[in-house]
Amino acid sequence: MSPEETIEKFKHLGLSEQKAKETLKNVNVTKFLLAGLNEVNVSNLPAGAGMLIYHLATKLKPQIASQLPFVCKYIESGKLDSTLRVDAALEYLLSHVGESSIDNAAFEEACGVGVVVTPEQVEQAVEKHMAKYKEELVQKRYRFNSGMVMQAVRADLPWADGKAIKSEVDVQILDLLGPKTEADLAPAPKPEKKAKGSEAGKKQVKDAVKQEKSEAAGDSVGAVSIQDLMKKLPFHAPGENYKSDGYVVTPETKRLLQEHLKITGGKVRTRFPPEPNGILHIGHAKAININFGYAAAHDGVCFLRYDDTNPEKEEEKFFVGIKDMVEWLGYKPYKITHSSDYFDQLYEWAVQLIKKDLAYVCHQKSEEIKGFNPPPSPYRNRPIEESLQLFEDMKNGKIDEGEATLRMKITLEEGKQDPVAYRIKFKPHHRTGSKWCIYPTYDYTHCLCDSIEHITHSLCTKEFQSRRSSYYWLCNALGIYCPVQWEYGRLNVNYTVVSKRKIAKLIDEGIVNDWDDPRLYTLTALRRRGVPAAAVSGFCAALGVTGALGAVDPAVLDAAVRDALNVSAPRVMVVLEPLKITITNFPSDKPVSVSVPNFPNDPEKGSHKVVFNRVIYVEATDFTEQPEKGYRRLTPAQSVGLRHAGYVVKVSKVIHDATGKAVEVECTAEPAETADKPKAFVHWVSDPVTVEVRLYEPLFKHKNPEDPSEVPGGFLSDCRSDTLRVVQAFADGSIRGANVYDKFQFERIGFFSVDPDTNANNIVFNRTVSLKEDTGK
């Protein structure tokens, strides 16, 4: 049939020409709509039934596509006469998918066939619910949200016509309030503003800002944000796997789902299944938050399952590191499992596949089966008994590595044929020792472990979409419970690499120190740099959960970090490049104690004491003898204020070294109350503690260091040479006793975290992120 003929057919159902053309672009809807047209006599359809068949075609899921003729007959007969009833029909069929026959009586009851809702019933229901809101209606008049009444009536009369309900609500509101007045038609008044000088108003605004900032970054709020996001995801309820697009239904599906619900108690079950062959990175943070967050949002559980099927690359430190990072992000696994826990069961199932002629032993080399269109294996049709014996030989170590694999008889979405299920590796396993010399692959293991653990939602990144068909095929081939696989777009960050191999190369070349080097985007590196877990979770939540692929600029994460630390990291004064200032007229014969607020915008969070003495230190950049236009800090002709001290200092003498560099400035001080108002206030320290400060910069020059078109010389050639600068800084005395991972805002400089290299004799700080403001002001 030509496109023009198809469009004409669609128009006979009641679609406009434009709508018919748009529909033609959707292959699935077109297929179902044409199938529906073949089941009915269009000329004999009741009024509006054509559009109901269109509605059916847009809503029909592949799992129940075989029932399309059945539903079409009900529409043609007039028994399904509204979209409400068609939707109810689809819901009923989905919930009874896989059953050999349909109980017509139960089906009709579920769809409200024959149920007539009279105008009198609608009127009485509206009156009942209007009475509940009468006082509010009279007060708000036509600004009242009448949708609440309509929803309540719909709950009482599910088969009532929506237009009839709305019309009756409108009539009764008009009857109660009368016609709209000029006041009803006027724009809604704006909220009243607090008086400018109102202390209550100021406090209310301040509290609101504080709450907003807290909700953007607090530990508990980060989790709430993730959970709020997870609650909105359109995933199936436990036990309703069959409602998911693409899910494969078999005659055993209903029984298996019923058994599944008994085991799980109807709870959501997810899993985070990392390979223990490297450190987790920022992309894994999204996976952790989605899997653990979705379970938490639905009062479910999440397994931490190590996918330990490759003994060549697995190390104990990676197992420990993965668990630490999951807990750092605030999650506790329901149970820690390993794919190797199930090696015996996986082997038994492999034997079953061979016996069903759904798997075979193949002797092709790995290079022969690579790519998307390799030739079919010459061993595909070998006798079952032969494959069984060869597989047994593989298990018993009688065949060399690379000489045989077990392959499954299935073609994946992208055309890859017969993926490998088992390969030979003469390597001892960290948990099973030398028991096995054959190990299962991801394609074989993942879905089966999900089934064993009765996972309800197997959430994975988009690149695994091509494995979905093998996932469903394998579970159904073995007649076991089949979870649902959902895919989302992975998280990529610009200006970095996260590949385990490439990070190992950076370490080997001495460009970074280890997996937790703060210049990397592994989770251990982010923690060491001082990034709060709440900021990582908030960052992931802000990106949402979609199937779109793309990369995010590190500045987005930096912004989330600032939001988190701004309300959690107390302020301290630290001078990175100290310049000595001597106050010649110091107003006391002994040091003075000065109170500095931990959070200037929130005095309730306390303060700390610092020493103010005759000799202080300021940033060298806060003084110049030859100021450029617009320079606002200390010069021989310009005074500057000292933050928190209550004094303004003025230059009286500059002392230089042999090279002419200013090494000390003598000043006089005047109380801020009497001094001319300075153009700026600077931070300072007195009787300081010497600390080591590590100032990190981005590691790579280009957005995509792995892209040959951007970086022809490879990612190693893209590394900057100036990514770490270490300075000996002066900090105020309150910094003594700081613990590893404690976080601070160095006033006017940025946010810093105590590094694990800290010891009793040396406190080491890492710069987490700079302030947004220009520190040169």
Foldseek 3Di string as FASTA:
>chain_A
DDLVVLLVLLVLLPDDSVRSVVQVVDVQLSVQLVVLSVLDDSVQADPNLSVLSSLLSVQDFPLCSVCSSVVSVCRRVCQQPDNQLSVQLRVVCLVVGLDPDDDVVVSSVSSVGPPDDDLVNLLVLLVVLCVVCVVVCQVCPPVDDCVVSLVSSCVVPVPDDSVSNVVSNVVVSCVSHPDDDPVNVDDDDDDDQDPPPDPVNVVVVLVVVLVVLCLLAPLVNLLVLLLVLLVPDPDDFQLSQSSDHPFDDHSLQNVQSVVLCVVQVRAAEEEQEEALQFFAFLLVLLVLSNRQSNRVSRVHFYEYEYAHQDQPRHDPVSVVRVCVLSVLLPDDHPYYYYLVVCVVVLVVLLLVCLVVLFKFKAQDAPVQQDDQDHDDTPGSPPDSVVRNVVVVCLFVVVDDFRRIFMWGQDAWPSRRGTDTFKTFACDAHPPRGRNGRITGDCLSRVLVVCQVVSHAEHEEAPVCPRSQVSSSVSCVSSSTHGHHYDHWHTEAAFLADDDRVVVVVCCVVVVAPDPLGLLHRRSNVLLQLQQRSSLSSSLSSVVRTHNDYDYHYCVSSVVSSCSNCLSPAFEFAKAQAWAKEFAPPPPDPDKDWFWAARHVSCNVVDTDIFTDDRIKIFHPLQEDADDDPPQFHAYQVFWEAEPRPQKIWHFDDFDADPVRHTRYTYIHIDGNVPDDPGSYYGYIHDPWDKAKEKEFDHQFDGRHQQDCVVPVVGNVVGGDPPGIDITTMTTTPVCPPDDFSRWHQHPLWAIWGFGPVDDNRHTYIRGSHTDPDDSSD
